Amino acid sequence: MIDVTIENFETEVIAASTTQPVLVDFWAPWCGPCKVIGPLLEKLEADYAGRFKLVKIDSDQEQQLAAAFGVRSIPTVILLMNGQPVDGFMGALPEGKIREFLDKHIPPADEPQEEVLPEPEEQPLEQGDAIERLSQAAAAAPDNDDARFDYVKALLLAGRTDDAKVAFAPVIDKTQLVRRFDSLQRLMDAMDFADATEPAKALADADSKIAANKRDFQARFDKARLLTAQQQWTAAMDELLEILMRDKAWNEDLARKTYIAILDVIEPPRPKVAEGQIPADDPTVATYRRRLSSVVLS
């Protein structure tokens, strides 16, 4: 069992979950049920002999992490695999129920750990196959905005910008009505902007202008667009936050709208959980949503 803070979260939870399941126990010293389930989880970690890793996060001391996972009550226990939350439960379940929960996801002792998948019932598709499936879904339901968004997004992230523009054309008139279509348009604009430059030189020029004048918002915005085109999402949002902290309404709210567009693009599908259980939010998306709120509402 390891105590995790914001400083070691990336190493002990996200990175560690790529090689073995990580069970995260959100608790607090004053919580009675936490004192019941804590020893049970430690016992199970020993019983399962390395088949999963247990970490504990004090939700009072690490409120940022608790908020990122959408923790509403404690104890809350969340299982991560391959960097993503896959299931969870709240409350002090009895040992038998916790074993049932673990056995749904953790392989038997004689099964090689590397064969574990977050959703073992469905093998991951190759990128081309996944895009073809999304294409078929969009064609079969041309009025389904979600299907169209997923298809165009997949093309853009695969670097197939021209194909994405063709697929986006039937809904381009809806960008003022459907926010996620507006987000796709902003991503395509960023890619077009980057294509018209020498990215390395353009980034260096933007950095030079920012160093000379921290309130050169156009330079910061150009840098954010270049980073977005390179799919350096968090770096791009960090740059947009620098604008928002200095001028929330700059250029008709352009920085905030672009920031939201990035969140729309990077948000993964919500993980499947059992009925009555709460799917955890993606930690990166939740963290950057909270940072945006704190700046905009301050």
Protein backbone atom coordinates (compact mmCIF):
# COMPACT_ATOMS: atom_id res chain seq x y z
CA MET A 1 0.00 0.00 0.00
CA ILE A 2 1.33 3.43 -0.98
CA ASP A 3 0.15 6.88 0.07
CA VAL A 4 -0.26 9.03 -3.03
CA THR A 5 -0.19 12.81 -3.36
CA ILE A 6 -0.35 15.12 -6.35
CA GLU A 7 3.45 14.99 -6.53
CA ASN A 8 3.72 11.22 -7.07
CA PHE A 9 0.31 10.57 -8.64
CA GLU A 10 1.59 10.40 -12.22
CA THR A 11 4.27 7.84 -11.33
CA GLU A 12 2.50 5.72 -8.72
CA VAL A 13 -0.94 5.63 -10.37
CA ILE A 14 -1.06 6.57 -14.07
CA ALA A 15 2.30 5.12 -15.12
CA ALA A 16 2.03 2.14 -12.77
CA SER A 17 -1.39 1.20 -14.15
CA THR A 18 0.14 0.49 -17.57
CA THR A 19 1.87 -2.58 -16.13
CA GLN A 20 -0.59 -3.73 -13.43
CA PRO A 21 -4.07 -2.73 -12.22
CA VAL A 22 -3.99 0.04 -9.62
CA LEU A 23 -6.72 0.25 -6.97
CA VAL A 24 -7.14 3.78 -5.59
CA ASP A 25 -8.75 4.17 -2.16
CA PHE A 26 -10.00 7.71 -1.46
CA TRP A 27 -10.35 8.06 2.30
CA ALA A 28 -10.10 10.57 5.18
CA PRO A 29 -8.94 10.19 8.79
CA TRP A 30 -12.37 11.12 10.20
CA CYS A 31 -14.29 8.65 8.02
CA GLY A 32 -15.61 5.65 9.98
CA PRO A 33 -16.33 3.36 6.99
CA CYS A 34 -12.84 4.16 5.67
CA LYS A 35 -11.37 2.55 8.78
CA VAL A 36 -13.33 -0.60 7.96
CA ILE A 37 -12.54 -0.92 4.28
CA GLY A 38 -8.89 0.20 4.50
CA PRO A 39 -7.61 -2.92 6.31
CA LEU A 40 -9.73 -5.13 4.02
CA LEU A 41 -8.10 -3.64 0.92
CA GLU A 42 -4.63 -4.08 2.42
CA LYS A 43 -5.45 -7.73 3.24
CA LEU A 44 -6.68 -8.31 -0.32
CA GLU A 45 -3.56 -6.71 -1.79
CA ALA A 46 -1.52 -9.28 0.11
CA ASP A 47 -3.89 -12.14 -0.80
CA TYR A 48 -3.72 -11.27 -4.51
CA ALA A 49 0.08 -11.36 -4.32
CA GLY A 50 1.00 -8.57 -6.71
CA ARG A 51 -1.90 -8.97 -9.13
CA PHE A 52 -2.93 -5.39 -8.32
CA LYS A 53 -1.37 -2.41 -6.59
CA LEU A 54 -3.16 -0.57 -3.78
CA VAL A 55 -2.71 3.16 -3.24
CA LYS A 56 -4.46 5.46 -0.77
CA ILE A 57 -5.31 9.13 -1.29
CA ASP A 58 -6.36 11.34 1.61
CA SER A 59 -9.26 13.24 0.02
CA ASP A 60 -8.97 16.08 2.56
CA GLN A 61 -5.29 16.67 1.84
CA GLU A 62 -5.51 15.99 -1.90
CA GLN A 63 -8.71 17.76 -2.86
CA GLN A 64 -7.43 18.36 -6.40
CA LEU A 65 -7.14 14.63 -7.05
CA ALA A 66 -10.47 13.89 -5.39
CA ALA A 67 -12.17 16.49 -7.59
CA ALA A 68 -10.44 15.15 -10.69
CA PHE A 69 -12.00 11.73 -10.07
CA GLY A 70 -15.40 13.17 -9.22
CA VAL A 71 -15.31 11.82 -5.66
CA ARG A 72 -18.58 12.78 -3.99
CA SER A 73 -18.42 10.63 -0.86
CA ILE A 74 -15.87 8.46 0.89
CA PRO A 75 -14.73 5.83 0.85
CA THR A 76 -14.61 5.75 -2.95
CA VAL A 77 -12.52 3.06 -4.62
CA ILE A 78 -11.51 3.28 -8.30
CA LEU A 79 -9.63 0.76 -10.40
CA LEU A 80 -7.28 2.02 -13.13
CA MET A 81 -5.79 0.01 -15.97
CA ASN A 82 -3.61 1.26 -18.82
CA GLY A 83 -3.83 4.82 -17.51
CA GLN A 84 -7.65 4.93 -17.44
CA PRO A 85 -10.30 4.37 -14.74
CA VAL A 86 -12.32 1.27 -15.65
CA ASP A 87 -14.61 0.68 -12.65
CA GLY A 88 -15.26 1.78 -9.10
CA PHE A 89 -17.54 1.62 -6.09
CA MET A 90 -18.49 3.69 -3.06
CA GLY A 91 -18.90 2.66 0.54
CA ALA A 92 -17.45 -0.09 2.73
CA LEU A 93 -18.37 -3.28 0.87
CA PRO A 94 -17.83 -6.65 2.56
CA GLU A 95 -14.75 -8.64 1.57
CA GLY A 96 -16.69 -11.03 -0.66
CA LYS A 97 -18.16 -8.21 -2.73
CA ILE A 98 -14.75 -6.57 -3.12
CA ARG A 99 -13.31 -9.88 -4.33
CA GLU A 100 -16.12 -10.09 -6.90
CA PHE A 101 -15.31 -6.56 -8.01
CA LEU A 102 -11.59 -7.34 -8.36
CA ASP A 103 -12.12 -10.66 -10.11
CA LYS A 104 -14.13 -8.97 -12.87
CA HIS A 105 -10.96 -7.16 -13.99
CA ILE A 106 -7.88 -8.81 -12.51
CA PRO A 107 -6.63 -11.99 -14.20
CA PRO A 108 -6.23 -15.28 -12.32
CA ALA A 109 -2.87 -15.92 -10.71
CA ASP A 110 -1.79 -18.26 -13.50
CA GLU A 111 -2.67 -15.84 -16.31
CA PRO A 112 0.12 -13.54 -17.55
CA GLN A 113 -0.44 -9.98 -16.39
CA GLU A 114 0.33 -8.43 -19.76
CA GLU A 115 -2.72 -10.10 -21.29
CA VAL A 116 -5.09 -7.95 -19.22
CA LEU A 117 -7.14 -5.41 -21.16
CA PRO A 118 -9.35 -2.66 -19.69
CA GLU A 119 -12.37 -4.19 -21.48
CA PRO A 120 -11.47 -7.84 -22.10
CA GLU A 121 -14.75 -8.52 -23.85
CA GLU A 122 -13.75 -6.34 -26.82
CA GLN A 123 -10.39 -6.43 -28.57
CA PRO A 124 -9.07 -3.00 -29.59
CA LEU A 125 -9.44 -2.16 -33.25
CA GLU A 126 -6.58 -1.12 -35.48
CA GLN A 127 -6.79 2.60 -36.21
CA GLY A 128 -7.91 2.08 -39.82
CA ASP A 129 -10.58 -0.41 -38.76
CA ALA A 130 -11.81 1.93 -36.04
CA ILE A 131 -12.13 4.83 -38.49
CA GLU A 132 -13.95 2.62 -40.99
CA ARG A 133 -16.40 1.58 -38.29
CA LEU A 134 -16.99 5.24 -37.35
CA SER A 135 -17.45 6.08 -41.03
CA GLN A 136 -20.12 3.42 -41.37
CA ALA A 137 -21.87 4.66 -38.22
CA ALA A 138 -21.94 8.24 -39.50
CA ALA A 139 -23.22 7.12 -42.92
CA ALA A 140 -25.92 4.97 -41.39
CA ALA A 141 -27.19 7.83 -39.19
CA PRO A 142 -26.44 11.13 -40.99
CA ASP A 143 -28.45 13.11 -38.42
CA ASN A 144 -26.57 11.63 -35.48
CA ASP A 145 -24.32 14.47 -34.34
CA ASP A 146 -22.37 12.25 -31.94
CA ALA A 147 -21.52 9.76 -34.68
CA ARG A 148 -20.39 12.55 -37.00
CA PHE A 149 -18.28 14.15 -34.26
CA ASP A 150 -16.55 10.87 -33.42
CA TYR A 151 -15.79 10.16 -37.08
CA VAL A 152 -14.37 13.60 -37.91
CA LYS A 153 -12.41 13.68 -34.66
CA ALA A 154 -10.82 10.29 -35.41
CA LEU A 155 -9.77 11.47 -38.88
CA LEU A 156 -8.22 14.65 -37.49
CA LEU A 157 -6.30 12.83 -34.77
CA ALA A 158 -5.02 10.38 -37.37
CA GLY A 159 -3.64 13.29 -39.41
CA ARG A 160 -6.15 12.81 -42.24
CA THR A 161 -7.11 16.48 -42.36
CA ASP A 162 -8.44 16.55 -45.93
CA ASP A 163 -10.63 13.50 -45.29
CA ALA A 164 -11.86 15.13 -42.08
CA LYS A 165 -12.90 18.28 -43.95
CA VAL A 166 -14.85 16.22 -46.47
CA ALA A 167 -16.59 14.31 -43.66
CA PHE A 168 -17.30 17.57 -41.84
CA ALA A 169 -18.78 19.36 -44.85
CA PRO A 170 -22.35 18.02 -44.40
CA VAL A 171 -22.57 19.57 -40.92
CA ILE A 172 -20.44 22.68 -41.31
CA ASP A 173 -23.56 24.88 -41.17
CA LYS A 174 -24.29 23.53 -37.69
CA THR A 175 -21.11 24.87 -36.08
CA GLN A 176 -23.03 27.75 -34.53
CA LEU A 177 -25.61 25.37 -33.09
CA VAL A 178 -23.61 22.33 -31.96
CA ARG A 179 -20.71 23.17 -29.67
CA ARG A 180 -18.68 20.07 -30.43
CA PHE A 181 -18.86 20.83 -34.16
CA ASP A 182 -17.53 24.28 -33.36
CA SER A 183 -14.72 22.55 -31.45
CA LEU A 184 -13.83 20.45 -34.50
CA GLN A 185 -13.76 23.58 -36.63
CA ARG A 186 -11.35 25.23 -34.22
CA LEU A 187 -9.08 22.18 -34.32
CA MET A 188 -9.08 22.26 -38.12
CA ASP A 189 -8.31 25.98 -38.05
CA ALA A 190 -5.33 25.30 -35.79
CA MET A 191 -4.07 22.63 -38.16
CA ASP A 192 -4.46 24.96 -41.16
CA PHE A 193 -2.59 27.67 -39.27
CA ALA A 194 0.27 25.30 -38.47
CA ASP A 195 0.40 24.02 -42.06
CA ALA A 196 0.95 27.57 -43.28
CA THR A 197 4.05 27.99 -41.09
CA GLU A 198 7.32 26.34 -40.31
CA PRO A 199 6.18 25.08 -36.88
CA ALA A 200 9.57 25.05 -35.17
CA LYS A 201 10.37 28.58 -36.33
CA ALA A 202 6.84 29.81 -35.57
CA LEU A 203 7.04 28.43 -32.02
CA ALA A 204 10.42 30.07 -31.50
CA ASP A 205 9.07 33.38 -32.81
CA ALA A 206 6.07 33.18 -30.48
CA ASP A 207 8.29 32.40 -27.49
CA SER A 208 10.50 35.36 -28.34
CA LYS A 209 7.51 37.73 -28.49
CA ILE A 210 6.11 36.38 -25.22
CA ALA A 211 9.46 36.80 -23.49
CA ALA A 212 9.50 40.44 -24.60
CA ASN A 213 5.89 41.08 -23.62
CA LYS A 214 3.90 38.68 -21.45
CA ARG A 215 0.70 40.42 -22.58
CA ASP A 216 1.28 39.69 -26.24
CA PHE A 217 -1.89 37.63 -26.37
CA GLN A 218 -1.79 37.08 -30.11
CA ALA A 219 1.63 35.46 -29.78
CA ARG A 220 0.35 33.27 -26.95
CA PHE A 221 -2.71 32.31 -28.99
CA ASP A 222 -0.58 31.49 -32.03
CA LYS A 223 1.62 29.31 -29.84
CA ALA A 224 -1.46 27.54 -28.44
CA ARG A 225 -2.69 26.83 -31.99
CA LEU A 226 0.67 25.42 -32.99
CA LEU A 227 0.73 23.19 -29.92
CA THR A 228 -2.84 22.10 -30.59
CA ALA A 229 -1.95 21.09 -34.14
CA GLN A 230 0.88 18.98 -32.68
CA GLN A 231 -1.63 17.41 -30.24
CA GLN A 232 0.27 18.84 -27.27
CA TRP A 233 -3.05 19.41 -25.58
CA THR A 234 -2.10 20.34 -22.03
CA ALA A 235 0.69 22.67 -23.17
CA ALA A 236 -1.79 24.44 -25.45
CA MET A 237 -4.33 24.81 -22.64
CA ASP A 238 -1.64 26.11 -20.30
CA GLU A 239 -0.87 28.85 -22.83
CA LEU A 240 -4.55 29.74 -23.20
CA LEU A 241 -4.87 29.93 -19.41
CA GLU A 242 -2.07 32.50 -19.40
CA ILE A 243 -4.26 34.67 -21.63
CA LEU A 244 -7.37 34.12 -19.53
CA MET A 245 -5.61 34.98 -16.28
CA ARG A 246 -4.70 38.37 -17.76
CA ASP A 247 -7.75 39.12 -19.92
CA LYS A 248 -10.75 36.79 -19.69
CA ALA A 249 -12.61 38.36 -22.63
CA TRP A 250 -9.68 38.85 -25.01
CA ASN A 251 -10.65 38.90 -28.69
CA GLU A 252 -14.33 38.10 -28.11
CA ASP A 253 -13.64 35.23 -25.70
CA LEU A 254 -11.39 33.45 -28.20
CA ALA A 255 -9.02 31.90 -25.65
CA ARG A 256 -11.83 30.38 -23.57
CA LYS A 257 -13.66 29.00 -26.62
CA THR A 258 -10.47 27.41 -27.93
CA TYR A 259 -9.70 25.93 -24.50
CA ILE A 260 -13.16 24.34 -24.38
CA ALA A 261 -12.66 23.01 -27.90
CA ILE A 262 -9.54 21.16 -26.78
CA LEU A 263 -11.41 19.66 -23.82
CA ASP A 264 -14.13 18.44 -26.18
CA VAL A 265 -11.55 16.81 -28.44
CA ILE A 266 -9.48 15.07 -25.76
CA GLU A 267 -12.32 13.81 -23.56
CA PRO A 268 -12.42 10.00 -23.87
CA PRO A 269 -15.61 7.93 -23.78
CA ARG A 270 -16.86 7.34 -20.25
CA PRO A 271 -15.75 3.91 -18.96
CA LYS A 272 -18.36 1.20 -18.51
CA VAL A 273 -19.32 0.52 -14.90
CA ALA A 274 -21.82 -1.73 -13.20
CA GLU A 275 -25.31 -0.42 -12.54
CA GLY A 276 -25.37 1.92 -9.57
CA GLN A 277 -21.66 2.70 -9.78
CA ILE A 278 -20.22 6.05 -10.84
CA PRO A 279 -17.79 6.25 -13.75
CA ALA A 280 -14.77 8.35 -12.89
CA ASP A 281 -13.97 11.41 -14.97
CA ASP A 282 -10.77 11.44 -16.98
CA PRO A 283 -8.21 13.01 -14.59
CA THR A 284 -6.64 15.34 -17.17
CA VAL A 285 -9.98 16.61 -18.48
CA ALA A 286 -11.36 17.08 -14.97
CA THR A 287 -8.25 18.93 -13.80
CA TYR A 288 -8.25 21.33 -16.74
CA ARG A 289 -11.99 21.93 -16.47
CA ARG A 290 -11.50 22.90 -12.84
CA ARG A 291 -8.57 25.17 -13.71
CA LEU A 292 -10.68 26.93 -16.33
CA SER A 293 -13.53 27.43 -13.86
CA SER A 294 -11.22 28.82 -11.20
CA VAL A 295 -9.79 31.38 -13.63
CA VAL A 296 -13.06 32.39 -15.29
CA LEU A 297 -14.96 32.68 -12.00
CA SER A 298 -12.22 34.46 -10.07
